[in-house]
């Protein structure tokens, strides 16, 4: 029975890793579609999000069944509950990548990003891509230094998010109302993407250390 239980626990980790890899692809492709106003690429991101959602549903069912059938305690319980929380965060990261693609689709054939904001959004995309890659590696390694690096990368996303407010509120801003809304929403999507990555990082830190205080405001 223990061998079967451990196999099921391993499958939870495998599903989280599979989700995170698909999210990494999603944010990369959504960001590229946004930069080039590529409708076909945006559509592919939107369609692919269904697969991420399906993995989350299967993972959650697996975790609930483990809780019901095995009544785990201590470390095993911590792994299962953390798996449920991380699957929700990773799924939400996929949703946010989809939202970026949906804005691209909405504004096609025009670009959702005005010319003077493109460099800033290139930086947002680079930071989000790095966070997504780090989450994949973190789930593979459970490296606490990498978990801390994700929090630092999220700080960069927060700073870039703030810069979009500085741009749109500047007297020099010449964007249309639609562009102002798009820039504001898109920057928020990237900022929240980083927040959910931090939630995953803190959950991994909790699994490794058992320290609940490290979960902070992302204990959800």
Protein backbone atom coordinates (compact mmCIF):
# COMPACT_ATOMS: atom_id res chain seq x y z
CA UNK A 1 0.00 0.00 0.00
CA UNK A 2 2.82 2.41 0.84
CA UNK A 3 4.45 1.87 -2.54
CA UNK A 4 1.18 2.69 -4.31
CA UNK A 5 0.72 5.78 -2.15
CA UNK A 6 4.22 7.01 -2.92
CA UNK A 7 3.61 6.40 -6.60
CA UNK A 8 0.49 8.58 -6.41
CA UNK A 9 2.43 11.30 -4.60
CA UNK A 10 5.04 11.16 -7.33
CA UNK A 11 2.32 11.58 -9.94
CA UNK A 12 1.21 14.80 -8.21
CA UNK A 13 4.71 16.19 -8.63
CA UNK A 14 4.83 15.04 -12.25
CA UNK A 15 1.54 16.80 -13.00
CA UNK A 16 2.74 20.04 -11.40
CA UNK A 17 5.88 19.93 -13.50
CA UNK A 18 3.90 19.22 -16.67
CA UNK A 19 1.58 22.14 -15.94
CA UNK A 20 4.48 24.49 -15.26
CA UNK A 21 6.18 23.58 -18.55
CA UNK A 22 2.99 24.29 -20.46
CA UNK A 23 2.62 27.61 -18.65
CA UNK A 24 6.21 28.48 -19.56
CA UNK A 25 5.38 27.88 -23.22
CA UNK A 26 2.11 29.81 -22.90
CA UNK A 27 3.64 32.99 -21.50
CA UNK A 28 6.48 32.90 -24.03
CA UNK A 29 4.10 32.52 -26.95
CA UNK A 30 1.54 34.99 -25.62
CA UNK A 31 4.25 37.61 -25.13
CA UNK A 32 5.61 37.02 -28.64
CA UNK A 33 2.10 37.28 -30.08
CA UNK A 34 1.54 40.53 -28.21
CA UNK A 35 4.79 42.02 -29.49
CA UNK A 36 4.07 41.13 -33.12
CA UNK A 37 0.24 41.34 -33.15
CA UNK A 38 0.19 37.72 -34.30
CA UNK A 39 -3.40 36.52 -34.29
CA UNK A 40 -2.66 32.88 -35.05
CA UNK A 41 -0.12 32.60 -32.24
CA UNK A 42 -2.55 34.27 -29.82
CA UNK A 43 -5.28 31.81 -30.78
CA UNK A 44 -2.96 28.89 -30.12
CA UNK A 45 -2.24 30.14 -26.59
CA UNK A 46 -5.95 30.53 -25.90
CA UNK A 47 -6.73 27.01 -27.14
CA UNK A 48 -3.78 25.45 -25.30
CA UNK A 49 -4.99 26.78 -21.95
CA UNK A 50 -7.67 24.08 -21.93
CA UNK A 51 -4.94 21.45 -21.56
CA UNK A 52 -3.52 23.23 -18.50
CA UNK A 53 -6.98 23.37 -16.97
CA UNK A 54 -7.46 19.65 -17.61
CA UNK A 55 -4.21 18.75 -15.86
CA UNK A 56 -5.29 20.84 -12.86
CA UNK A 57 -8.62 19.02 -12.66
CA UNK A 58 -6.94 15.61 -12.82
CA UNK A 59 -4.32 16.62 -10.25
CA UNK A 60 -6.94 17.96 -7.87
CA UNK A 61 -8.99 14.77 -8.18
CA UNK A 62 -5.87 12.75 -7.44
CA UNK A 63 -5.13 14.81 -4.32
CA UNK A 64 -8.70 14.62 -3.04
CA UNK A 65 -8.74 10.85 -3.53
CA UNK A 66 -5.46 10.53 -1.63
CA UNK A 67 -6.89 12.55 1.23
CA UNK A 68 -10.06 10.45 1.31
CA UNK A 69 -8.48 7.02 0.93
CA UNK A 70 -5.16 7.35 2.75
CA UNK A 71 -5.91 9.92 5.48
CA UNK A 72 -2.28 11.11 5.37
CA UNK A 73 -0.55 12.92 8.22
CA UNK A 74 2.65 14.94 8.72
CA UNK A 75 4.87 15.23 5.65
CA UNK A 76 2.52 13.35 3.33
CA UNK A 77 -0.36 15.65 4.21
CA UNK A 78 1.85 18.66 3.64
CA UNK A 79 2.77 17.41 0.17
CA UNK A 80 -0.83 16.80 -0.85
CA UNK A 81 -2.19 20.12 0.44
CA UNK A 82 0.74 21.97 -1.12
CA UNK A 83 0.06 20.18 -4.40
CA UNK A 84 -3.50 21.45 -4.38
CA UNK A 85 -2.39 25.01 -3.66
CA UNK A 86 0.38 24.99 -6.25
CA UNK A 87 -1.85 23.55 -8.96
CA UNK A 88 -4.25 26.46 -8.42
CA UNK A 89 -1.41 28.99 -8.69
CA UNK A 90 0.09 27.42 -11.81
CA UNK A 91 -3.32 27.15 -13.46
CA UNK A 92 -3.88 30.82 -12.74
CA UNK A 93 -0.53 31.65 -14.36
CA UNK A 94 -1.82 29.88 -17.46
CA UNK A 95 -5.00 31.94 -17.34
CA UNK A 96 -2.97 35.14 -17.19
CA UNK A 97 -0.95 34.12 -20.25
CA UNK A 98 -4.27 33.45 -21.98
CA UNK A 99 -5.51 36.91 -21.00
CA UNK A 100 -2.45 38.46 -22.69
CA UNK A 101 -3.28 36.49 -25.83
CA UNK A 102 -6.92 37.55 -25.67
CA UNK A 103 -5.97 41.23 -25.66
CA UNK A 104 -3.78 40.58 -28.70
CA UNK A 105 -6.73 38.93 -30.44
CA UNK A 106 -9.11 41.72 -29.45
CA UNK A 107 -6.94 44.46 -31.00
CA UNK A 108 -5.86 42.57 -34.11
CA UNK A 109 -4.79 43.69 -36.72
CA UNK A 110 -3.59 46.64 -34.64
CA UNK A 111 -1.04 46.25 -31.86
CA UNK A 112 -2.38 46.50 -28.32
CA UNK A 113 0.86 48.22 -27.29
CA UNK A 114 1.64 51.76 -28.45
CA UNK A 115 5.08 52.32 -29.93
CA UNK A 116 6.49 54.20 -26.92
CA UNK A 117 5.54 51.34 -24.54
CA UNK A 118 7.01 48.45 -26.50
CA UNK A 119 10.39 48.46 -24.81
CA UNK A 120 8.73 48.38 -21.40
CA UNK A 121 6.56 45.43 -22.40
CA UNK A 122 9.58 43.65 -23.82
CA UNK A 123 11.09 43.92 -20.34
CA UNK A 124 7.86 42.65 -18.74
CA UNK A 125 7.85 39.69 -21.11
CA UNK A 126 11.51 38.88 -20.39
CA UNK A 127 10.90 39.02 -16.63
CA UNK A 128 7.79 36.82 -16.87
CA UNK A 129 9.61 34.31 -19.08
CA UNK A 130 12.41 34.09 -16.53
CA UNK A 131 9.97 33.57 -13.68
CA UNK A 132 8.18 30.82 -15.61
CA UNK A 133 11.46 29.05 -16.39
CA UNK A 134 12.54 29.32 -12.76
CA UNK A 135 9.27 27.78 -11.56
CA UNK A 136 9.87 24.77 -13.81
CA UNK A 137 13.40 24.37 -12.46
CA UNK A 138 12.22 24.88 -8.88
CA UNK A 139 9.68 22.07 -9.18
CA UNK A 140 12.45 19.85 -10.52
CA UNK A 141 15.04 20.70 -7.86
CA UNK A 142 13.32 22.21 -4.80
CA UNK A 143 16.30 24.56 -4.60
CA UNK A 144 15.66 27.18 -1.89
CA UNK A 145 18.06 29.64 -3.50
CA UNK A 146 15.99 29.44 -6.67
CA UNK A 147 12.83 30.02 -4.64
CA UNK A 148 14.39 33.21 -3.27
CA UNK A 149 15.42 34.24 -6.80
CA UNK A 150 11.79 33.98 -7.94
CA UNK A 151 10.79 36.47 -5.26
CA UNK A 152 13.50 38.85 -6.47
CA UNK A 153 12.34 38.44 -10.06
CA UNK A 154 8.81 39.24 -8.94
CA UNK A 155 10.12 42.52 -7.54
CA UNK A 156 11.29 43.39 -11.05
CA UNK A 157 7.82 42.70 -12.43
CA UNK A 158 6.33 44.89 -9.70
CA UNK A 159 8.68 47.73 -10.61
CA UNK A 160 7.89 47.43 -14.31
CA UNK A 161 4.19 47.35 -13.50
CA UNK A 162 4.62 50.62 -11.61
CA UNK A 163 6.44 52.11 -14.59
CA UNK A 164 3.36 51.55 -16.77
CA UNK A 165 1.39 53.78 -14.38
CA UNK A 166 4.11 56.40 -14.63
CA UNK A 167 3.85 56.28 -18.42
CA UNK A 168 0.08 56.41 -18.73
CA UNK A 169 -0.26 59.16 -16.11
CA UNK A 170 2.49 61.28 -17.65
CA UNK A 171 1.49 64.53 -19.42
CA UNK A 172 3.47 63.19 -22.40
CA UNK A 173 1.22 60.13 -22.78
CA UNK A 174 -0.47 60.21 -26.21
CA UNK A 175 -2.17 56.80 -26.21
CA UNK A 176 -5.86 56.42 -26.94
CA UNK A 177 -8.34 55.44 -24.27
CA UNK A 178 -8.27 51.84 -25.54
CA UNK A 179 -4.47 51.77 -25.45
CA UNK A 180 -4.46 53.16 -21.93
CA UNK A 181 -6.83 50.41 -20.81
CA UNK A 182 -4.84 47.73 -22.62
CA UNK A 183 -1.49 48.84 -21.20
CA UNK A 184 -2.93 48.96 -17.70
CA UNK A 185 -4.55 45.53 -17.95
CA UNK A 186 -1.61 43.82 -19.63
CA UNK A 187 0.87 45.12 -17.08
CA UNK A 188 -1.44 43.87 -14.34
CA UNK A 189 -1.56 40.41 -15.95
CA UNK A 190 2.24 40.19 -15.92
CA UNK A 191 2.43 41.49 -12.35
CA UNK A 192 -0.08 38.89 -11.15
CA UNK A 193 1.78 36.19 -13.09
CA UNK A 194 4.79 36.95 -10.90
CA UNK A 195 2.69 36.90 -7.74
CA UNK A 196 1.46 33.38 -8.45
CA UNK A 197 5.01 32.25 -9.17
CA UNK A 198 5.96 33.56 -5.73
CA UNK A 199 3.10 31.55 -4.25
CA UNK A 200 4.58 28.39 -5.79
CA UNK A 201 8.07 29.32 -4.57
CA UNK A 202 6.83 29.82 -1.01
CA UNK A 203 4.96 26.52 -1.09
CA UNK A 204 8.12 24.71 -2.16
CA UNK A 205 10.04 26.46 0.62
CA UNK A 206 7.38 25.29 3.06
CA UNK A 207 7.69 21.71 1.80
CA UNK A 208 11.44 21.77 2.27
CA UNK A 209 11.61 23.60 5.60
CA UNK A 210 8.19 23.08 7.20
CA UNK A 211 8.17 26.80 8.04
CA UNK A 212 4.61 28.16 7.82
CA UNK A 213 5.71 31.74 8.38
CA UNK A 214 7.46 31.71 5.01
CA UNK A 215 4.09 31.42 3.25
CA UNK A 216 3.30 35.03 4.18
CA UNK A 217 0.54 36.73 2.22
CA UNK A 218 0.61 34.01 -0.46
CA UNK A 219 -0.84 31.35 1.83
CA UNK A 220 -3.79 30.78 -0.50
